């Protein structure tokens, strides 16, 4: 993708990150195909959860990287009396790592767009202070704003 990105890139690019679930209701459960909560549908779905990262320059939008959510830790949920899975890496850590990867690949961008799932204080500070970029992220609640 680098040659295509280099052809269209500009300093005011927009990096867009979003998480999605590809439903796989009939597949055998494992560390990749497992149960994930869908905020869009308000239910748990069996499938593949991933975070995609796209770069947008004017009317051109190109994929640059993605990360599959890998639920590598099995644990017993005493409350529900069943085995569950969780990831040893949080979605916010994946989010930051994808942005770092784009910066390491010298992808030009000025803004980062994502939904409220990624609007944690650490992410916003990372974008603003560590990456020196601007962000537009949804907010769920605004508590203790000074």
N, C-alpha and C. Protein backbone atom coordinates (compact mmCIF):
# COMPACT_ATOMS: atom_id res chain seq x y z
N UNK A 1 0.81 -1.21 0.00
CA UNK A 1 0.00 0.00 0.00
C UNK A 1 0.86 1.27 0.00
N UNK A 2 2.12 1.15 0.41
CA UNK A 2 2.94 2.36 0.55
C UNK A 2 3.02 3.18 -0.74
N UNK A 3 3.24 2.57 -1.90
CA UNK A 3 3.31 3.39 -3.12
C UNK A 3 2.03 4.17 -3.39
N UNK A 4 0.88 3.54 -3.13
CA UNK A 4 -0.40 4.22 -3.35
C UNK A 4 -0.58 5.33 -2.33
N UNK A 5 -0.25 5.04 -1.07
CA UNK A 5 -0.36 6.06 -0.02
C UNK A 5 0.53 7.25 -0.35
N UNK A 6 1.76 6.98 -0.77
CA UNK A 6 2.71 8.07 -1.09
C UNK A 6 2.18 8.94 -2.24
N UNK A 7 1.46 8.34 -3.15
CA UNK A 7 0.92 9.08 -4.29
C UNK A 7 -0.12 10.11 -3.86
N UNK A 8 -0.92 9.78 -2.83
CA UNK A 8 -2.03 10.64 -2.42
C UNK A 8 -1.81 11.38 -1.11
N UNK A 9 -0.76 11.04 -0.37
CA UNK A 9 -0.65 11.56 0.99
C UNK A 9 -0.44 13.07 1.04
N UNK A 10 -0.93 13.63 2.13
CA UNK A 10 -0.78 15.05 2.42
C UNK A 10 -0.71 15.19 3.94
N UNK A 11 -0.20 16.30 4.40
CA UNK A 11 0.03 16.47 5.84
C UNK A 11 -1.26 16.51 6.66
N UNK A 12 -2.39 16.85 6.06
CA UNK A 12 -3.66 16.93 6.79
C UNK A 12 -4.48 15.64 6.70
N UNK A 13 -3.82 14.51 6.54
CA UNK A 13 -4.52 13.24 6.45
C UNK A 13 -5.28 12.92 7.73
N UNK A 14 -6.26 12.04 7.59
CA UNK A 14 -7.10 11.63 8.72
C UNK A 14 -6.94 10.12 8.89
N UNK A 15 -6.48 9.71 10.08
CA UNK A 15 -6.35 8.30 10.42
C UNK A 15 -7.65 7.88 11.11
N UNK A 16 -8.30 6.86 10.59
CA UNK A 16 -9.61 6.43 11.10
C UNK A 16 -9.47 5.02 11.66
N UNK A 17 -9.81 4.86 12.95
CA UNK A 17 -9.74 3.56 13.60
C UNK A 17 -11.13 3.15 14.07
N UNK A 18 -11.47 1.88 13.86
CA UNK A 18 -12.78 1.39 14.25
C UNK A 18 -12.69 -0.10 14.55
N UNK A 19 -13.49 -0.55 15.50
CA UNK A 19 -13.55 -1.98 15.78
C UNK A 19 -14.84 -2.55 15.20
N UNK A 20 -14.74 -3.79 14.74
CA UNK A 20 -15.87 -4.46 14.10
C UNK A 20 -15.86 -5.93 14.48
N UNK A 21 -16.99 -6.58 14.25
CA UNK A 21 -17.10 -8.02 14.48
C UNK A 21 -17.62 -8.67 13.20
N UNK A 22 -16.90 -9.67 12.73
CA UNK A 22 -17.38 -10.50 11.63
C UNK A 22 -18.06 -11.70 12.29
N UNK A 23 -19.36 -11.81 12.14
CA UNK A 23 -20.11 -12.88 12.80
C UNK A 23 -19.75 -14.24 12.21
N UNK A 24 -19.48 -15.20 13.10
CA UNK A 24 -19.15 -16.57 12.72
C UNK A 24 -19.93 -17.53 13.65
N UNK A 25 -21.26 -17.52 13.56
CA UNK A 25 -22.06 -18.28 14.53
C UNK A 25 -21.87 -19.79 14.47
N UNK A 26 -21.41 -20.33 13.36
CA UNK A 26 -21.30 -21.78 13.21
C UNK A 26 -19.87 -22.29 13.31
N UNK A 27 -18.92 -21.38 13.49
CA UNK A 27 -17.51 -21.79 13.59
C UNK A 27 -17.18 -22.28 14.99
N UNK A 28 -16.20 -23.16 15.08
CA UNK A 28 -15.75 -23.66 16.37
C UNK A 28 -15.06 -22.53 17.13
N UNK A 29 -15.34 -22.44 18.41
CA UNK A 29 -14.76 -21.38 19.24
C UNK A 29 -13.28 -21.63 19.48
N UNK A 30 -12.48 -20.56 19.40
CA UNK A 30 -11.06 -20.61 19.71
C UNK A 30 -10.61 -19.22 20.17
N UNK A 31 -9.33 -18.93 20.15
CA UNK A 31 -8.83 -17.65 20.65
C UNK A 31 -9.19 -16.47 19.75
N UNK A 32 -9.48 -16.72 18.49
CA UNK A 32 -9.84 -15.65 17.54
C UNK A 32 -11.35 -15.63 17.31
N UNK A 33 -11.94 -16.78 17.03
CA UNK A 33 -13.40 -16.88 16.86
C UNK A 33 -13.99 -17.20 18.23
N UNK A 34 -14.55 -16.19 18.85
CA UNK A 34 -15.12 -16.37 20.19
C UNK A 34 -16.19 -15.31 20.42
N UNK A 35 -16.65 -15.20 21.63
CA UNK A 35 -17.75 -14.29 21.94
C UNK A 35 -17.24 -12.89 22.24
N UNK A 36 -17.89 -11.90 21.60
CA UNK A 36 -17.54 -10.49 21.77
C UNK A 36 -18.83 -9.70 21.96
N UNK A 37 -18.76 -8.65 22.74
CA UNK A 37 -19.93 -7.80 22.92
C UNK A 37 -20.02 -6.80 21.78
N UNK A 38 -21.16 -6.76 21.12
CA UNK A 38 -21.41 -5.81 20.04
C UNK A 38 -22.14 -4.60 20.61
N UNK A 39 -21.47 -3.46 20.64
CA UNK A 39 -22.12 -2.24 21.11
C UNK A 39 -23.19 -1.77 20.12
N UNK A 40 -23.02 -2.11 18.87
CA UNK A 40 -23.99 -1.73 17.85
C UNK A 40 -25.31 -2.48 18.03
N UNK A 41 -25.23 -3.77 18.39
CA UNK A 41 -26.43 -4.59 18.53
C UNK A 41 -26.86 -4.78 19.98
N UNK A 42 -25.97 -4.47 20.92
CA UNK A 42 -26.30 -4.61 22.34
C UNK A 42 -26.35 -6.05 22.83
N UNK A 43 -25.67 -6.95 22.11
CA UNK A 43 -25.65 -8.37 22.50
C UNK A 43 -24.26 -8.94 22.27
N UNK A 44 -24.02 -10.14 22.81
CA UNK A 44 -22.78 -10.86 22.55
C UNK A 44 -22.94 -11.64 21.24
N UNK A 45 -21.90 -11.60 20.42
CA UNK A 45 -21.89 -12.31 19.15
C UNK A 45 -20.67 -13.21 19.07
N UNK A 46 -20.83 -14.37 18.46
CA UNK A 46 -19.67 -15.23 18.21
C UNK A 46 -19.10 -14.83 16.86
N UNK A 47 -17.80 -14.51 16.87
CA UNK A 47 -17.18 -14.10 15.63
C UNK A 47 -15.75 -13.64 15.83
N UNK A 48 -15.27 -12.91 14.84
CA UNK A 48 -13.91 -12.37 14.85
C UNK A 48 -14.00 -10.87 15.08
N UNK A 49 -13.38 -10.41 16.15
CA UNK A 49 -13.36 -8.99 16.49
C UNK A 49 -12.02 -8.42 16.03
N UNK A 50 -12.06 -7.27 15.38
CA UNK A 50 -10.81 -6.67 14.89
C UNK A 50 -10.92 -5.15 14.93
N UNK A 51 -9.76 -4.52 14.93
CA UNK A 51 -9.67 -3.06 14.83
C UNK A 51 -9.02 -2.76 13.49
N UNK A 52 -9.69 -1.95 12.68
CA UNK A 52 -9.14 -1.58 11.37
C UNK A 52 -8.64 -0.14 11.43
N UNK A 53 -7.68 0.13 10.57
CA UNK A 53 -7.08 1.46 10.52
C UNK A 53 -6.99 1.88 9.05
N UNK A 54 -7.60 3.01 8.75
CA UNK A 54 -7.63 3.53 7.37
C UNK A 54 -7.03 4.93 7.37
N UNK A 55 -6.45 5.33 6.26
CA UNK A 55 -5.98 6.71 6.09
C UNK A 55 -6.83 7.36 5.01
N UNK A 56 -7.21 8.59 5.27
CA UNK A 56 -8.03 9.32 4.30
C UNK A 56 -7.32 10.60 3.90
N UNK A 57 -7.17 10.78 2.60
CA UNK A 57 -6.66 12.01 2.00
C UNK A 57 -7.69 12.49 1.00
N UNK A 58 -8.32 13.61 1.26
CA UNK A 58 -9.40 14.13 0.42
C UNK A 58 -10.44 13.05 0.20
N UNK A 59 -10.67 12.61 -1.04
CA UNK A 59 -11.68 11.59 -1.32
C UNK A 59 -11.11 10.18 -1.38
N UNK A 60 -9.82 10.03 -1.10
CA UNK A 60 -9.17 8.72 -1.17
C UNK A 60 -9.05 8.14 0.24
N UNK A 61 -9.57 6.92 0.43
CA UNK A 61 -9.49 6.24 1.72
C UNK A 61 -8.85 4.87 1.50
N UNK A 62 -7.75 4.62 2.23
CA UNK A 62 -6.98 3.39 2.01
C UNK A 62 -6.75 2.65 3.32
N UNK A 63 -6.81 1.31 3.30
CA UNK A 63 -6.49 0.55 4.51
C UNK A 63 -4.98 0.56 4.75
N UNK A 64 -4.59 0.72 6.01
CA UNK A 64 -3.15 0.73 6.32
C UNK A 64 -2.74 -0.39 7.28
N UNK A 65 -3.61 -0.77 8.21
CA UNK A 65 -3.30 -1.89 9.09
C UNK A 65 -4.54 -2.33 9.85
N UNK A 66 -4.44 -3.46 10.52
CA UNK A 66 -5.54 -3.96 11.32
C UNK A 66 -4.96 -4.86 12.41
N UNK A 67 -5.77 -5.15 13.40
CA UNK A 67 -5.35 -6.08 14.45
C UNK A 67 -6.54 -6.95 14.85
N UNK A 68 -6.35 -8.26 14.81
CA UNK A 68 -7.37 -9.18 15.30
C UNK A 68 -7.31 -9.19 16.82
N UNK A 69 -8.46 -9.18 17.46
CA UNK A 69 -8.51 -9.27 18.91
C UNK A 69 -8.32 -10.74 19.27
N UNK A 70 -7.27 -11.01 20.01
CA UNK A 70 -6.85 -12.36 20.35
C UNK A 70 -7.16 -12.61 21.82
N UNK A 71 -8.22 -13.37 22.09
CA UNK A 71 -8.60 -13.66 23.48
C UNK A 71 -7.86 -14.92 23.93
N UNK A 72 -6.66 -14.70 24.42
CA UNK A 72 -5.73 -15.78 24.73
C UNK A 72 -5.80 -16.28 26.17
N UNK A 73 -6.61 -15.66 27.01
CA UNK A 73 -6.69 -16.04 28.42
C UNK A 73 -8.06 -16.67 28.70
N UNK A 74 -8.05 -17.93 29.14
CA UNK A 74 -9.30 -18.60 29.55
C UNK A 74 -9.42 -18.49 31.06
N UNK A 75 -10.62 -18.18 31.53
CA UNK A 75 -10.85 -18.10 32.97
C UNK A 75 -12.27 -18.56 33.29
N UNK A 76 -12.48 -18.96 34.53
CA UNK A 76 -13.79 -19.42 34.96
C UNK A 76 -14.54 -18.27 35.61
N UNK A 77 -15.72 -17.96 35.08
CA UNK A 77 -16.57 -16.89 35.62
C UNK A 77 -17.45 -17.51 36.71
N UNK A 78 -17.10 -17.22 37.98
CA UNK A 78 -17.84 -17.78 39.11
C UNK A 78 -19.30 -17.34 39.11
N UNK A 79 -19.55 -16.11 38.71
CA UNK A 79 -20.91 -15.58 38.71
C UNK A 79 -21.80 -16.32 37.72
N UNK A 80 -21.28 -16.54 36.51
CA UNK A 80 -22.07 -17.21 35.47
C UNK A 80 -21.81 -18.71 35.41
N UNK A 81 -20.85 -19.20 36.21
CA UNK A 81 -20.54 -20.63 36.30
C UNK A 81 -20.18 -21.24 34.94
N UNK A 82 -19.30 -20.52 34.22
CA UNK A 82 -18.85 -21.06 32.93
C UNK A 82 -17.49 -20.48 32.57
N UNK A 83 -16.82 -21.16 31.64
CA UNK A 83 -15.52 -20.68 31.15
C UNK A 83 -15.72 -19.55 30.17
N UNK A 84 -14.85 -18.55 30.25
CA UNK A 84 -14.90 -17.41 29.34
C UNK A 84 -13.49 -17.14 28.84
N UNK A 85 -13.40 -16.22 27.90
CA UNK A 85 -12.10 -15.81 27.35
C UNK A 85 -11.95 -14.30 27.45
N UNK A 86 -10.70 -13.87 27.59
CA UNK A 86 -10.39 -12.44 27.54
C UNK A 86 -9.01 -12.29 26.92
N UNK A 87 -8.74 -11.09 26.47
CA UNK A 87 -7.46 -10.80 25.83
C UNK A 87 -6.47 -10.30 26.87
N UNK A 88 -5.22 -10.72 26.75
CA UNK A 88 -4.18 -10.20 27.64
C UNK A 88 -3.77 -8.79 27.23
N UNK A 89 -4.21 -8.35 26.06
CA UNK A 89 -3.97 -6.99 25.57
C UNK A 89 -5.31 -6.29 25.43
N UNK A 90 -5.42 -5.08 25.97
CA UNK A 90 -6.70 -4.35 25.90
C UNK A 90 -6.88 -3.74 24.51
N UNK A 91 -8.13 -3.42 24.18
CA UNK A 91 -8.40 -2.75 22.90
C UNK A 91 -7.70 -1.40 22.85
N UNK A 92 -7.60 -0.72 24.00
CA UNK A 92 -6.90 0.57 24.03
C UNK A 92 -5.40 0.40 23.74
N UNK A 93 -4.81 -0.69 24.20
CA UNK A 93 -3.40 -0.97 23.87
C UNK A 93 -3.25 -1.26 22.38
N UNK A 94 -4.17 -2.04 21.82
CA UNK A 94 -4.15 -2.29 20.37
C UNK A 94 -4.28 -0.97 19.61
N UNK A 95 -5.18 -0.11 20.05
CA UNK A 95 -5.42 1.20 19.43
C UNK A 95 -4.12 2.00 19.38
N UNK A 96 -3.46 2.11 20.51
CA UNK A 96 -2.19 2.87 20.57
C UNK A 96 -1.13 2.22 19.69
N UNK A 97 -1.06 0.88 19.71
CA UNK A 97 -0.06 0.19 18.89
C UNK A 97 -0.29 0.40 17.39
N UNK A 98 -1.55 0.46 16.96
CA UNK A 98 -1.83 0.71 15.54
C UNK A 98 -1.39 2.13 15.14
N UNK A 99 -1.63 3.10 16.01
CA UNK A 99 -1.20 4.47 15.72
C UNK A 99 0.33 4.54 15.67
N UNK A 100 0.99 3.87 16.61
CA UNK A 100 2.46 3.83 16.61
C UNK A 100 2.98 3.20 15.32
N UNK A 101 2.31 2.14 14.86
CA UNK A 101 2.73 1.48 13.62
C UNK A 101 2.61 2.42 12.43
N UNK A 102 1.53 3.19 12.37
CA UNK A 102 1.35 4.15 11.28
C UNK A 102 2.43 5.23 11.33
N UNK A 103 2.76 5.69 12.51
CA UNK A 103 3.83 6.69 12.66
C UNK A 103 5.18 6.10 12.27
N UNK A 104 5.45 4.86 12.68
CA UNK A 104 6.71 4.19 12.33
C UNK A 104 6.83 4.00 10.82
N UNK A 105 5.69 3.84 10.14
CA UNK A 105 5.70 3.67 8.68
C UNK A 105 5.66 5.00 7.95
N UNK A 106 5.82 6.10 8.69
CA UNK A 106 5.85 7.46 8.12
C UNK A 106 4.60 7.79 7.31
N UNK A 107 3.45 7.35 7.79
CA UNK A 107 2.20 7.72 7.14
C UNK A 107 1.83 9.12 7.63
N UNK A 108 1.63 10.03 6.70
CA UNK A 108 1.34 11.42 7.06
C UNK A 108 -0.12 11.57 7.46
N UNK A 109 -0.34 12.09 8.66
CA UNK A 109 -1.69 12.39 9.11
C UNK A 109 -1.62 13.45 10.20
N UNK A 110 -2.71 14.19 10.33
CA UNK A 110 -2.79 15.24 11.34
C UNK A 110 -3.90 14.95 12.35
N UNK A 111 -4.91 14.22 11.92
CA UNK A 111 -6.09 13.97 12.75
C UNK A 111 -6.30 12.47 12.94
N UNK A 112 -6.90 12.12 14.08
CA UNK A 112 -7.29 10.74 14.35
C UNK A 112 -8.77 10.75 14.70
N UNK A 113 -9.54 9.91 14.02
CA UNK A 113 -10.98 9.76 14.28
C UNK A 113 -11.25 8.35 14.80
N UNK A 114 -12.09 8.26 15.82
CA UNK A 114 -12.50 6.96 16.35
C UNK A 114 -13.78 7.16 17.15
N UNK A 115 -14.43 6.06 17.50
CA UNK A 115 -15.67 6.20 18.27
C UNK A 115 -15.37 6.26 19.77
N UNK A 116 -16.42 6.37 20.55
CA UNK A 116 -16.28 6.60 21.99
C UNK A 116 -15.57 5.46 22.72
N UNK A 117 -15.55 4.27 22.13
CA UNK A 117 -14.88 3.14 22.76
C UNK A 117 -13.42 3.48 23.06
N UNK A 118 -12.80 4.32 22.24
CA UNK A 118 -11.38 4.62 22.36
C UNK A 118 -11.09 5.98 23.02
N UNK A 119 -12.10 6.60 23.62
CA UNK A 119 -11.90 7.95 24.17
C UNK A 119 -11.40 7.95 25.61
N UNK A 120 -10.59 6.97 25.96
CA UNK A 120 -9.98 6.92 27.29
C UNK A 120 -8.94 8.04 27.42
N UNK A 121 -8.78 8.54 28.63
CA UNK A 121 -7.85 9.64 28.90
C UNK A 121 -6.44 9.32 28.41
N UNK A 122 -5.96 8.10 28.67
CA UNK A 122 -4.61 7.71 28.23
C UNK A 122 -4.46 7.79 26.72
N UNK A 123 -5.50 7.38 25.99
CA UNK A 123 -5.45 7.44 24.53
C UNK A 123 -5.39 8.89 24.04
N UNK A 124 -6.21 9.75 24.64
CA UNK A 124 -6.25 11.16 24.23
C UNK A 124 -4.92 11.84 24.54
N UNK A 125 -4.35 11.55 25.70
CA UNK A 125 -3.04 12.12 26.05
C UNK A 125 -1.96 11.60 25.11
N UNK A 126 -2.02 10.32 24.77
CA UNK A 126 -1.05 9.76 23.83
C UNK A 126 -1.13 10.46 22.47
N UNK A 127 -2.34 10.63 21.96
CA UNK A 127 -2.52 11.28 20.66
C UNK A 127 -2.01 12.72 20.70
N UNK A 128 -2.40 13.45 21.72
CA UNK A 128 -2.08 14.88 21.80
C UNK A 128 -0.61 15.13 22.16
N UNK A 129 -0.13 14.50 23.22
CA UNK A 129 1.21 14.80 23.72
C UNK A 129 2.31 13.97 23.07
N UNK A 130 2.10 12.67 22.92
CA UNK A 130 3.14 11.80 22.36
C UNK A 130 3.22 11.87 20.84
N UNK A 131 2.06 11.97 20.19
CA UNK A 131 2.04 11.98 18.72
C UNK A 131 1.91 13.38 18.13
N UNK A 132 1.56 14.36 18.98
CA UNK A 132 1.39 15.74 18.52
C UNK A 132 0.36 15.83 17.38
N UNK A 133 -0.76 15.12 17.56
CA UNK A 133 -1.84 15.08 16.58
C UNK A 133 -3.12 15.60 17.22
N UNK A 134 -4.13 15.82 16.39
CA UNK A 134 -5.44 16.23 16.86
C UNK A 134 -6.36 15.01 16.81
N UNK A 135 -7.43 15.02 17.60
CA UNK A 135 -8.34 13.89 17.61
C UNK A 135 -9.79 14.36 17.62
N UNK A 136 -10.63 13.53 17.04
CA UNK A 136 -12.08 13.69 17.13
C UNK A 136 -12.60 12.31 17.51
N UNK A 137 -13.01 12.20 18.77
CA UNK A 137 -13.52 10.94 19.29
C UNK A 137 -14.82 11.22 20.03
N UNK A 138 -15.74 10.28 19.95
CA UNK A 138 -16.99 10.42 20.68
C UNK A 138 -16.75 10.30 22.17
N UNK A 139 -17.61 10.92 22.95
CA UNK A 139 -17.55 10.82 24.40
C UNK A 139 -18.86 10.25 24.92
N UNK A 140 -18.77 9.34 25.85
CA UNK A 140 -19.98 8.77 26.46
C UNK A 140 -20.51 9.66 27.55
N UNK A 141 -19.64 10.01 28.50
CA UNK A 141 -20.00 10.85 29.62
C UNK A 141 -18.91 11.87 29.85
N UNK A 142 -19.27 12.99 30.38
CA UNK A 142 -18.29 14.01 30.73
C UNK A 142 -18.43 14.30 32.21
N UNK A 143 -17.62 13.63 33.02
CA UNK A 143 -17.63 13.83 34.47
C UNK A 143 -16.42 14.67 34.89
N UNK A 144 -16.61 15.51 35.85
CA UNK A 144 -15.52 16.30 36.44
C UNK A 144 -14.71 17.09 35.42
N UNK A 145 -15.38 17.72 34.49
CA UNK A 145 -14.69 18.57 33.52
C UNK A 145 -14.50 19.93 34.14
N UNK A 146 -13.27 20.40 34.16
CA UNK A 146 -12.94 21.73 34.70
C UNK A 146 -12.73 22.72 33.59
